[in-house]
């Protein structure tokens, strides 16, 4: 499973690139970063930057091409834009949309 975390409003380009590179579907949801916090105003309130999290499950043989496409489209190789990592998927139920990945 490819996981990309990007700034809010920046998920469209990496998702479109993933689909063009062979992914059949992608899931996007919102989250809040808990790392670097900005201090605002006299009150010193901590603001947690909002993020979009992209999940894409593809067969192993497509991971590299999909990741490269997402990085290029979303400029994810630039500092502060976002990051991508890959997690193994040992089991998936209802993954018929993934074709061969469902039987792997």
PDB file of N, CA and C in Angstrom:
ATOM      1  N   UNK A   1       0.845  -1.167   0.000  1.00  0.00           N
ATOM      2  CA  UNK A   1       0.000   0.000   0.000  1.00  0.00           C
ATOM      3  C   UNK A   1       0.889   1.228   0.000  1.00  0.00           C
ATOM      4  N   UNK A   2       0.618   2.126  -0.907  1.00  0.00           N
ATOM      5  CA  UNK A   2       1.337   3.389  -0.993  1.00  0.00           C
ATOM      6  C   UNK A   2       0.581   4.399  -0.145  1.00  0.00           C
ATOM      7  N   UNK A   3       1.293   5.078   0.724  1.00  0.00           N
ATOM      8  CA  UNK A   3       0.708   6.112   1.572  1.00  0.00           C
ATOM      9  C   UNK A   3       1.438   7.409   1.262  1.00  0.00           C
ATOM     10  N   UNK A   4       0.681   8.434   0.902  1.00  0.00           N
ATOM     11  CA  UNK A   4       1.261   9.758   0.669  1.00  0.00           C
ATOM     12  C   UNK A   4       0.545  10.748   1.575  1.00  0.00           C
ATOM     13  N   UNK A   5       1.305  11.618   2.200  1.00  0.00           N
ATOM     14  CA  UNK A   5       0.741  12.658   3.050  1.00  0.00           C
ATOM     15  C   UNK A   5       1.144  13.988   2.436  1.00  0.00           C
ATOM     16  N   UNK A   6       0.131  14.783   2.070  1.00  0.00           N
ATOM     17  CA  UNK A   6       0.372  16.046   1.375  1.00  0.00           C
ATOM     18  C   UNK A   6      -0.389  17.176   2.063  1.00  0.00           C
ATOM     19  N   UNK A   7      -0.051  18.397   1.689  1.00  0.00           N
ATOM     20  CA  UNK A   7      -0.760  19.552   2.217  1.00  0.00           C
ATOM     21  C   UNK A   7      -2.210  19.505   1.754  1.00  0.00           C
ATOM     22  N   UNK A   8      -3.103  20.037   2.589  1.00  0.00           N
ATOM     23  CA  UNK A   8      -4.523  20.026   2.240  1.00  0.00           C
ATOM     24  C   UNK A   8      -4.739  20.753   0.916  1.00  0.00           C
ATOM     25  N   UNK A   9      -5.524  20.124   0.054  1.00  0.00           N
ATOM     26  CA  UNK A   9      -5.819  20.696  -1.251  1.00  0.00           C
ATOM     27  C   UNK A   9      -4.842  20.284  -2.340  1.00  0.00           C
ATOM     28  N   UNK A  10      -3.842  19.475  -2.000  1.00  0.00           N
ATOM     29  CA  UNK A  10      -2.806  19.088  -2.963  1.00  0.00           C
ATOM     30  C   UNK A  10      -2.863  17.615  -3.358  1.00  0.00           C
ATOM     31  N   UNK A  11      -3.934  16.913  -3.042  1.00  0.00           N
ATOM     32  CA  UNK A  11      -3.998  15.476  -3.324  1.00  0.00           C
ATOM     33  C   UNK A  11      -4.399  15.157  -4.763  1.00  0.00           C
ATOM     34  N   UNK A  12      -5.069  16.070  -5.443  1.00  0.00           N
ATOM     35  CA  UNK A  12      -5.600  15.752  -6.770  1.00  0.00           C
ATOM     36  C   UNK A  12      -4.531  15.311  -7.766  1.00  0.00           C
ATOM     37  N   UNK A  13      -3.438  16.048  -7.861  1.00  0.00           N
ATOM     38  CA  UNK A  13      -2.402  15.712  -8.848  1.00  0.00           C
ATOM     39  C   UNK A  13      -1.764  14.349  -8.573  1.00  0.00           C
ATOM     40  N   UNK A  14      -1.354  14.041  -7.335  1.00  0.00           N
ATOM     41  CA  UNK A  14      -0.795  12.705  -7.098  1.00  0.00           C
ATOM     42  C   UNK A  14      -1.803  11.580  -7.330  1.00  0.00           C
ATOM     43  N   UNK A  15      -3.063  11.805  -6.999  1.00  0.00           N
ATOM     44  CA  UNK A  15      -4.085  10.773  -7.215  1.00  0.00           C
ATOM     45  C   UNK A  15      -4.282  10.531  -8.705  1.00  0.00           C
ATOM     46  N   UNK A  16      -4.421  11.597  -9.479  1.00  0.00           N
ATOM     47  CA  UNK A  16      -4.577  11.434 -10.929  1.00  0.00           C
ATOM     48  C   UNK A  16      -3.369  10.712 -11.528  1.00  0.00           C
ATOM     49  N   UNK A  17      -2.173  11.058 -11.051  1.00  0.00           N
ATOM     50  CA  UNK A  17      -0.958  10.407 -11.551  1.00  0.00           C
ATOM     51  C   UNK A  17      -0.944   8.920 -11.200  1.00  0.00           C
ATOM     52  N   UNK A  18      -1.381   8.577  -9.993  1.00  0.00           N
ATOM     53  CA  UNK A  18      -1.439   7.168  -9.583  1.00  0.00           C
ATOM     54  C   UNK A  18      -2.382   6.385 -10.487  1.00  0.00           C
ATOM     55  N   UNK A  19      -3.522   6.966 -10.799  1.00  0.00           N
ATOM     56  CA  UNK A  19      -4.493   6.287 -11.662  1.00  0.00           C
ATOM     57  C   UNK A  19      -3.937   6.119 -13.074  1.00  0.00           C
ATOM     58  N   UNK A  20      -3.276   7.150 -13.588  1.00  0.00           N
ATOM     59  CA  UNK A  20      -2.670   7.044 -14.923  1.00  0.00           C
ATOM     60  C   UNK A  20      -1.544   6.011 -14.951  1.00  0.00           C
ATOM     61  N   UNK A  21      -0.861   5.818 -13.815  1.00  0.00           N
ATOM     62  CA  UNK A  21       0.272   4.888 -13.751  1.00  0.00           C
ATOM     63  C   UNK A  21      -0.149   3.449 -13.483  1.00  0.00           C
ATOM     64  N   UNK A  22      -1.445   3.194 -13.352  1.00  0.00           N
ATOM     65  CA  UNK A  22      -1.893   1.813 -13.207  1.00  0.00           C
ATOM     66  C   UNK A  22      -2.692   1.481 -11.969  1.00  0.00           C
ATOM     67  N   UNK A  23      -2.824   2.416 -11.036  1.00  0.00           N
ATOM     68  CA  UNK A  23      -3.679   2.156  -9.872  1.00  0.00           C
ATOM     69  C   UNK A  23      -5.132   2.172 -10.331  1.00  0.00           C
ATOM     70  N   UNK A  24      -5.941   1.336  -9.724  1.00  0.00           N
ATOM     71  CA  UNK A  24      -7.354   1.295 -10.102  1.00  0.00           C
ATOM     72  C   UNK A  24      -8.220   2.176  -9.227  1.00  0.00           C
ATOM     73  N   UNK A  25      -7.733   2.487  -8.046  1.00  0.00           N
ATOM     74  CA  UNK A  25      -8.500   3.320  -7.129  1.00  0.00           C
ATOM     75  C   UNK A  25      -7.554   3.961  -6.123  1.00  0.00           C
ATOM     76  N   UNK A  26      -8.032   5.005  -5.479  1.00  0.00           N
ATOM     77  CA  UNK A  26      -7.268   5.664  -4.416  1.00  0.00           C
ATOM     78  C   UNK A  26      -8.263   6.174  -3.384  1.00  0.00           C
ATOM     79  N   UNK A  27      -7.835   6.221  -2.151  1.00  0.00           N
ATOM     80  CA  UNK A  27      -8.660   6.753  -1.069  1.00  0.00           C
ATOM     81  C   UNK A  27      -7.946   7.967  -0.498  1.00  0.00           C
ATOM     82  N   UNK A  28      -8.696   9.057  -0.317  1.00  0.00           N
ATOM     83  CA  UNK A  28      -8.134  10.284   0.244  1.00  0.00           C
ATOM     84  C   UNK A  28      -8.965  10.677   1.452  1.00  0.00           C
ATOM     85  N   UNK A  29      -8.289  11.002   2.547  1.00  0.00           N
ATOM     86  CA  UNK A  29      -9.002  11.519   3.716  1.00  0.00           C
ATOM     87  C   UNK A  29      -8.154  12.586   4.382  1.00  0.00           C
ATOM     88  N   UNK A  30      -8.784  13.354   5.251  1.00  0.00           N
ATOM     89  CA  UNK A  30      -8.114  14.470   5.909  1.00  0.00           C
ATOM     90  C   UNK A  30      -7.521  14.044   7.239  1.00  0.00           C
ATOM     91  N   UNK A  31      -6.448  14.707   7.613  1.00  0.00           N
ATOM     92  CA  UNK A  31      -5.809  14.463   8.900  1.00  0.00           C
ATOM     93  C   UNK A  31      -5.123  15.733   9.365  1.00  0.00           C
ATOM     94  N   UNK A  32      -4.576  15.684  10.555  1.00  0.00           N
ATOM     95  CA  UNK A  32      -3.836  16.823  11.102  1.00  0.00           C
ATOM     96  C   UNK A  32      -2.439  16.372  11.474  1.00  0.00           C
ATOM     97  N   UNK A  33      -1.466  17.168  11.083  1.00  0.00           N
ATOM     98  CA  UNK A  33      -0.086  16.875  11.447  1.00  0.00           C
ATOM     99  C   UNK A  33       0.160  17.166  12.913  1.00  0.00           C
ATOM    100  N   UNK A  34       0.949  16.349  13.546  1.00  0.00           N
ATOM    101  CA  UNK A  34       1.268  16.553  14.958  1.00  0.00           C
ATOM    102  C   UNK A  34       2.744  16.851  15.168  1.00  0.00           C
ATOM    103  N   UNK A  35       3.494  17.031  14.084  1.00  0.00           N
ATOM    104  CA  UNK A  35       4.928  17.287  14.190  1.00  0.00           C
ATOM    105  C   UNK A  35       5.209  18.747  14.478  1.00  0.00           C
ATOM    106  N   UNK A  36       5.558  19.482  13.445  1.00  0.00           N
ATOM    107  CA  UNK A  36       5.906  20.893  13.601  1.00  0.00           C
ATOM    108  C   UNK A  36       4.631  21.696  13.817  1.00  0.00           C
ATOM    109  N   UNK A  37       4.647  22.547  14.829  1.00  0.00           N
ATOM    110  CA  UNK A  37       3.483  23.388  15.118  1.00  0.00           C
ATOM    111  C   UNK A  37       3.880  24.850  15.004  1.00  0.00           C
ATOM    112  N   UNK A  38       2.956  25.638  14.480  1.00  0.00           N
ATOM    113  CA  UNK A  38       3.190  27.070  14.370  1.00  0.00           C
ATOM    114  C   UNK A  38       2.515  27.768  15.538  1.00  0.00           C
ATOM    115  N   UNK A  39       3.138  28.829  16.029  1.00  0.00           N
ATOM    116  CA  UNK A  39       2.555  29.630  17.106  1.00  0.00           C
ATOM    117  C   UNK A  39       1.959  30.896  16.501  1.00  0.00           C
ATOM    118  N   UNK A  40       0.739  31.203  16.891  1.00  0.00           N
ATOM    119  CA  UNK A  40       0.048  32.366  16.347  1.00  0.00           C
ATOM    120  C   UNK A  40      -0.326  33.350  17.446  1.00  0.00           C
ATOM    121  N   UNK A  41      -0.241  34.628  17.112  1.00  0.00           N
ATOM    122  CA  UNK A  41      -0.771  35.682  17.964  1.00  0.00           C
ATOM    123  C   UNK A  41      -0.169  35.752  19.350  1.00  0.00           C
ATOM    124  N   UNK A  42      -0.748  36.606  20.152  1.00  0.00           N
ATOM    125  CA  UNK A  42      -0.285  36.812  21.515  1.00  0.00           C
ATOM    126  C   UNK A  42      -0.631  35.645  22.420  1.00  0.00           C
ATOM    127  N   UNK A  43      -1.637  34.890  22.043  1.00  0.00           N
ATOM    128  CA  UNK A  43      -2.074  33.780  22.882  1.00  0.00           C
ATOM    129  C   UNK A  43      -1.175  32.557  22.747  1.00  0.00           C
ATOM    130  N   UNK A  44      -0.361  32.522  21.702  1.00  0.00           N
ATOM    131  CA  UNK A  44       0.528  31.378  21.497  1.00  0.00           C
ATOM    132  C   UNK A  44      -0.211  30.082  21.225  1.00  0.00           C
ATOM    133  N   UNK A  45      -1.336  30.176  20.524  1.00  0.00           N
ATOM    134  CA  UNK A  45      -2.124  28.983  20.208  1.00  0.00           C
ATOM    135  C   UNK A  45      -1.379  28.097  19.213  1.00  0.00           C
ATOM    136  N   UNK A  46      -1.393  26.816  19.444  1.00  0.00           N
ATOM    137  CA  UNK A  46      -0.756  25.871  18.530  1.00  0.00           C
ATOM    138  C   UNK A  46      -1.738  25.506  17.426  1.00  0.00           C
ATOM    139  N   UNK A  47      -1.297  25.628  16.190  1.00  0.00           N
ATOM    140  CA  UNK A  47      -2.120  25.262  15.040  1.00  0.00           C
ATOM    141  C   UNK A  47      -1.533  24.001  14.430  1.00  0.00           C
ATOM    142  N   UNK A  48      -2.361  22.996  14.253  1.00  0.00           N
ATOM    143  CA  UNK A  48      -1.912  21.746  13.647  1.00  0.00           C
ATOM    144  C   UNK A  48      -2.251  21.792  12.162  1.00  0.00           C
ATOM    145  N   UNK A  49      -1.253  21.762  11.304  1.00  0.00           N
ATOM    146  CA  UNK A  49      -1.512  21.859   9.871  1.00  0.00           C
ATOM    147  C   UNK A  49      -2.383  20.702   9.380  1.00  0.00           C
ATOM    148  N   UNK A  50      -3.384  21.041   8.574  1.00  0.00           N
ATOM    149  CA  UNK A  50      -4.256  20.007   8.016  1.00  0.00           C
ATOM    150  C   UNK A  50      -3.583  19.367   6.811  1.00  0.00           C
ATOM    151  N   UNK A  51      -3.755  18.076   6.683  1.00  0.00           N
ATOM    152  CA  UNK A  51      -3.130  17.293   5.614  1.00  0.00           C
ATOM    153  C   UNK A  51      -4.184  16.455   4.899  1.00  0.00           C
ATOM    154  N   UNK A  52      -3.815  15.959   3.732  1.00  0.00           N
ATOM    155  CA  UNK A  52      -4.607  14.955   3.038  1.00  0.00           C
ATOM    156  C   UNK A  52      -3.752  13.692   2.977  1.00  0.00           C
ATOM    157  N   UNK A  53      -4.356  12.577   3.317  1.00  0.00           N
ATOM    158  CA  UNK A  53      -3.661  11.297   3.294  1.00  0.00           C
ATOM    159  C   UNK A  53      -4.221  10.494   2.126  1.00  0.00           C
ATOM    160  N   UNK A  54      -3.332  10.017   1.281  1.00  0.00           N
ATOM    161  CA  UNK A  54      -3.710   9.255   0.089  1.00  0.00           C
ATOM    162  C   UNK A  54      -3.285   7.804   0.299  1.00  0.00           C
ATOM    163  N   UNK A  55      -4.218   6.878   0.109  1.00  0.00           N
ATOM    164  CA  UNK A  55      -3.927   5.444   0.191  1.00  0.00           C
ATOM    165  C   UNK A  55      -4.167   4.820  -1.179  1.00  0.00           C
ATOM    166  N   UNK A  56      -3.185   4.087  -1.665  1.00  0.00           N
ATOM    167  CA  UNK A  56      -3.298   3.428  -2.964  1.00  0.00           C
ATOM    168  C   UNK A  56      -2.756   2.009  -2.814  1.00  0.00           C
ATOM    169  N   UNK A  57      -3.572   1.017  -3.147  1.00  0.00           N
ATOM    170  CA  UNK A  57      -3.126  -0.376  -3.114  1.00  0.00           C
ATOM    171  C   UNK A  57      -2.961  -0.841  -4.556  1.00  0.00           C
ATOM    172  N   UNK A  58      -1.756  -1.292  -4.868  1.00  0.00           N
ATOM    173  CA  UNK A  58      -1.455  -1.796  -6.210  1.00  0.00           C
ATOM    174  C   UNK A  58      -0.641  -3.078  -6.073  1.00  0.00           C
ATOM    175  N   UNK A  59      -0.614  -3.903  -7.116  1.00  0.00           N
ATOM    176  CA  UNK A  59       0.245  -5.089  -7.081  1.00  0.00           C
ATOM    177  C   UNK A  59       1.711  -4.672  -6.927  1.00  0.00           C
ATOM    178  N   UNK A  60       2.508  -5.549  -6.340  1.00  0.00           N
ATOM    179  CA  UNK A  60       3.923  -5.254  -6.087  1.00  0.00           C
ATOM    180  C   UNK A  60       4.659  -4.749  -7.326  1.00  0.00           C
ATOM    181  N   UNK A  61       4.367  -5.334  -8.475  1.00  0.00           N
ATOM    182  CA  UNK A  61       5.104  -4.960  -9.685  1.00  0.00           C
ATOM    183  C   UNK A  61       4.784  -3.546 -10.173  1.00  0.00           C
ATOM    184  N   UNK A  62       3.740  -2.923  -9.643  1.00  0.00           N
ATOM    185  CA  UNK A  62       3.395  -1.555 -10.055  1.00  0.00           C
ATOM    186  C   UNK A  62       3.783  -0.493  -9.029  1.00  0.00           C
ATOM    187  N   UNK A  63       4.244  -0.909  -7.871  1.00  0.00           N
ATOM    188  CA  UNK A  63       4.521   0.051  -6.794  1.00  0.00           C
ATOM    189  C   UNK A  63       5.499   1.131  -7.239  1.00  0.00           C
ATOM    190  N   UNK A  64       6.637   0.745  -7.809  1.00  0.00           N
ATOM    191  CA  UNK A  64       7.659   1.731  -8.182  1.00  0.00           C
ATOM    192  C   UNK A  64       7.136   2.752  -9.182  1.00  0.00           C
ATOM    193  N   UNK A  65       6.461   2.292 -10.232  1.00  0.00           N
ATOM    194  CA  UNK A  65       5.988   3.235 -11.244  1.00  0.00           C
ATOM    195  C   UNK A  65       4.915   4.157 -10.687  1.00  0.00           C
ATOM    196  N   UNK A  66       4.044   3.658  -9.820  1.00  0.00           N
ATOM    197  CA  UNK A  66       2.999   4.499  -9.238  1.00  0.00           C
ATOM    198  C   UNK A  66       3.608   5.514  -8.273  1.00  0.00           C
ATOM    199  N   UNK A  67       4.543   5.076  -7.439  1.00  0.00           N
ATOM    200  CA  UNK A  67       5.203   6.009  -6.512  1.00  0.00           C
ATOM    201  C   UNK A  67       5.922   7.102  -7.290  1.00  0.00           C
ATOM    202  N   UNK A  68       6.685   6.729  -8.309  1.00  0.00           N
ATOM    203  CA  UNK A  68       7.408   7.738  -9.102  1.00  0.00           C
ATOM    204  C   UNK A  68       6.443   8.739  -9.731  1.00  0.00           C
ATOM    205  N   UNK A  69       5.327   8.249 -10.254  1.00  0.00           N
ATOM    206  CA  UNK A  69       4.345   9.144 -10.870  1.00  0.00           C
ATOM    207  C   UNK A  69       3.744  10.101  -9.840  1.00  0.00           C
ATOM    208  N   UNK A  70       3.439   9.586  -8.659  1.00  0.00           N
ATOM    209  CA  UNK A  70       2.867  10.433  -7.609  1.00  0.00           C
ATOM    210  C   UNK A  70       3.863  11.495  -7.147  1.00  0.00           C
ATOM    211  N   UNK A  71       5.121  11.099  -6.988  1.00  0.00           N
ATOM    212  CA  UNK A  71       6.162  12.042  -6.551  1.00  0.00           C
ATOM    213  C   UNK A  71       6.333  13.152  -7.582  1.00  0.00           C
ATOM    214  N   UNK A  72       6.404  12.782  -8.854  1.00  0.00           N
ATOM    215  CA  UNK A  72       6.557  13.793  -9.915  1.00  0.00           C
ATOM    216  C   UNK A  72       5.371  14.743  -9.955  1.00  0.00           C
ATOM    217  N   UNK A  73       4.168  14.187  -9.963  1.00  0.00           N
ATOM    218  CA  UNK A  73       2.964  15.010 -10.105  1.00  0.00           C
ATOM    219  C   UNK A  73       2.742  15.932  -8.914  1.00  0.00           C
ATOM    220  N   UNK A  74       3.086  15.455  -7.721  1.00  0.00           N
ATOM    221  CA  UNK A  74       2.846  16.246  -6.517  1.00  0.00           C
ATOM    222  C   UNK A  74       4.055  16.989  -6.005  1.00  0.00           C
ATOM    223  N   UNK A  75       5.180  16.932  -6.758  1.00  0.00           N
ATOM    224  CA  UNK A  75       6.432  17.569  -6.307  1.00  0.00           C
ATOM    225  C   UNK A  75       6.815  17.104  -4.907  1.00  0.00           C
ATOM    226  N   UNK A  76       6.590  15.839  -4.623  1.00  0.00           N
ATOM    227  CA  UNK A  76       6.817  15.319  -3.278  1.00  0.00           C
ATOM    228  C   UNK A  76       8.290  15.146  -2.939  1.00  0.00           C
ATOM    229  N   UNK A  77       9.161  15.406  -3.902  1.00  0.00           N
ATOM    230  CA  UNK A  77      10.593  15.370  -3.616  1.00  0.00           C
ATOM    231  C   UNK A  77      11.113  16.729  -3.138  1.00  0.00           C
ATOM    232  N   UNK A  78      10.218  17.703  -3.027  1.00  0.00           N
ATOM    233  CA  UNK A  78      10.585  19.032  -2.543  1.00  0.00           C
ATOM    234  C   UNK A  78      10.329  19.128  -1.039  1.00  0.00           C
ATOM    235  N   UNK A  79      11.204  19.813  -0.303  1.00  0.00           N
ATOM    236  CA  UNK A  79      11.030  19.932   1.154  1.00  0.00           C
ATOM    237  C   UNK A  79       9.713  20.611   1.526  1.00  0.00           C
ATOM    238  N   UNK A  80       9.040  20.055   2.515  1.00  0.00           N
ATOM    239  CA  UNK A  80       7.828  20.657   3.048  1.00  0.00           C
ATOM    240  C   UNK A  80       6.562  20.412   2.261  1.00  0.00           C
ATOM    241  N   UNK A  81       6.646  19.685   1.155  1.00  0.00           N
ATOM    242  CA  UNK A  81       5.466  19.458   0.314  1.00  0.00           C
ATOM    243  C   UNK A  81       4.684  18.240   0.782  1.00  0.00           C
ATOM    244  N   UNK A  82       5.376  17.200   1.177  1.00  0.00           N
ATOM    245  CA  UNK A  82       4.731  15.968   1.616  1.00  0.00           C
ATOM    246  C   UNK A  82       5.726  14.830   1.562  1.00  0.00           C
ATOM    247  N   UNK A  83       5.240  13.623   1.797  1.00  0.00           N
ATOM    248  CA  UNK A  83       6.120  12.463   1.702  1.00  0.00           C
ATOM    249  C   UNK A  83       5.317  11.224   1.377  1.00  0.00           C
ATOM    250  N   UNK A  84       6.032  10.205   0.931  1.00  0.00           N
ATOM    251  CA  UNK A  84       5.417   8.949   0.499  1.00  0.00           C
ATOM    252  C   UNK A  84       6.162   7.801   1.164  1.00  0.00           C
ATOM    253  N   UNK A  85       5.407   6.775   1.564  1.00  0.00           N
ATOM    254  CA  UNK A  85       6.036   5.544   2.024  1.00  0.00           C
ATOM    255  C   UNK A  85       5.160   4.379   1.607  1.00  0.00           C
ATOM    256  N   UNK A  86       5.719   3.178   1.649  1.00  0.00           N
ATOM    257  CA  UNK A  86       5.020   1.978   1.196  1.00  0.00           C
ATOM    258  C   UNK A  86       4.959   0.979   2.339  1.00  0.00           C
ATOM    259  N   UNK A  87       3.775   0.412   2.540  1.00  0.00           N
ATOM    260  CA  UNK A  87       3.549  -0.610   3.561  1.00  0.00           C
ATOM    261  C   UNK A  87       3.120  -1.909   2.889  1.00  0.00           C
ATOM    262  N   UNK A  88       3.523  -3.050   3.430  1.00  0.00           N
ATOM    263  CA  UNK A  88       3.063  -4.319   2.857  1.00  0.00           C
ATOM    264  C   UNK A  88       1.589  -4.553   3.185  1.00  0.00           C
ATOM    265  N   UNK A  89       0.886  -5.172   2.266  1.00  0.00           N
ATOM    266  CA  UNK A  89      -0.499  -5.586   2.497  1.00  0.00           C
ATOM    267  C   UNK A  89      -0.496  -7.107   2.475  1.00  0.00           C
ATOM    268  N   UNK A  90      -0.716  -7.710   3.630  1.00  0.00           N
ATOM    269  CA  UNK A  90      -0.703  -9.163   3.730  1.00  0.00           C
ATOM    270  C   UNK A  90      -2.031  -9.794   3.351  1.00  0.00           C
ATOM    271  N   UNK A  91      -3.105  -9.019   3.488  1.00  0.00           N
ATOM    272  CA  UNK A  91      -4.426  -9.571   3.212  1.00  0.00           C
ATOM    273  C   UNK A  91      -5.353  -8.434   2.830  1.00  0.00           C
ATOM    274  N   UNK A  92      -6.204  -8.671   1.845  1.00  0.00           N
ATOM    275  CA  UNK A  92      -7.218  -7.695   1.452  1.00  0.00           C
ATOM    276  C   UNK A  92      -8.488  -8.448   1.105  1.00  0.00           C
ATOM    277  N   UNK A  93      -9.598  -8.000   1.623  1.00  0.00           N
ATOM    278  CA  UNK A  93     -10.896  -8.602   1.337  1.00  0.00           C
ATOM    279  C   UNK A  93     -11.702  -7.604   0.529  1.00  0.00           C
ATOM    280  N   UNK A  94     -12.371  -8.069  -0.495  1.00  0.00           N
ATOM    281  CA  UNK A  94     -13.135  -7.167  -1.340  1.00  0.00           C
ATOM    282  C   UNK A  94     -12.239  -6.397  -2.293  1.00  0.00           C
ATOM    283  N   UNK A  95     -11.112  -6.980  -2.625  1.00  0.00           N
ATOM    284  CA  UNK A  95     -10.142  -6.294  -3.470  1.00  0.00           C
ATOM    285  C   UNK A  95     -10.269  -6.702  -4.933  1.00  0.00           C
ATOM    286  N   UNK A  96     -11.455  -7.137  -5.361  1.00  0.00           N
ATOM    287  CA  UNK A  96     -11.604  -7.592  -6.734  1.00  0.00           C
ATOM    288  C   UNK A  96     -11.299  -6.488  -7.743  1.00  0.00           C
ATOM    289  N   UNK A  97     -11.440  -5.238  -7.340  1.00  0.00           N
ATOM    290  CA  UNK A  97     -11.127  -4.131  -8.238  1.00  0.00           C
ATOM    291  C   UNK A  97      -9.637  -4.048  -8.529  1.00  0.00           C
ATOM    292  N   UNK A  98      -8.822  -4.721  -7.736  1.00  0.00           N
ATOM    293  CA  UNK A  98      -7.377  -4.682  -7.939  1.00  0.00           C
ATOM    294  C   UNK A  98      -6.899  -5.774  -8.885  1.00  0.00           C
ATOM    295  N   UNK A  99      -7.812  -6.580  -9.363  1.00  0.00           N
ATOM    296  CA  UNK A  99      -7.447  -7.616 -10.325  1.00  0.00           C
ATOM    297  C   UNK A  99      -6.537  -8.653  -9.731  1.00  0.00           C
ATOM    298  N   UNK A 100      -5.340  -8.797 -10.294  1.00  0.00           N
ATOM    299  CA  UNK A 100      -4.396  -9.826  -9.872  1.00  0.00           C
ATOM    300  C   UNK A 100      -3.937  -9.645  -8.439  1.00  0.00           C
ATOM    301  N   UNK A 101      -3.961  -8.409  -7.921  1.00  0.00           N
ATOM    302  CA  UNK A 101      -3.498  -8.180  -6.546  1.00  0.00           C
ATOM    303  C   UNK A 101      -4.370  -8.911  -5.543  1.00  0.00           C
ATOM    304  N   UNK A 102      -5.637  -9.114  -5.880  1.00  0.00           N
ATOM    305  CA  UNK A 102      -6.549  -9.784  -4.953  1.00  0.00           C
ATOM    306  C   UNK A 102      -6.167 -11.245  -4.752  1.00  0.00           C
ATOM    307  N   UNK A 103      -5.570 -11.854  -5.763  1.00  0.00           N
ATOM    308  CA  UNK A 103      -5.218 -13.262  -5.638  1.00  0.00           C
ATOM    309  C   UNK A 103      -3.790 -13.479  -5.153  1.00  0.00           C
ATOM    310  N   UNK A 104      -3.027 -12.411  -5.026  1.00  0.00           N
ATOM    311  CA  UNK A 104      -1.620 -12.543  -4.599  1.00  0.00           C
ATOM    312  C   UNK A 104      -1.521 -12.833  -3.120  1.00  0.00           C
TER     313      UNK A 104
END
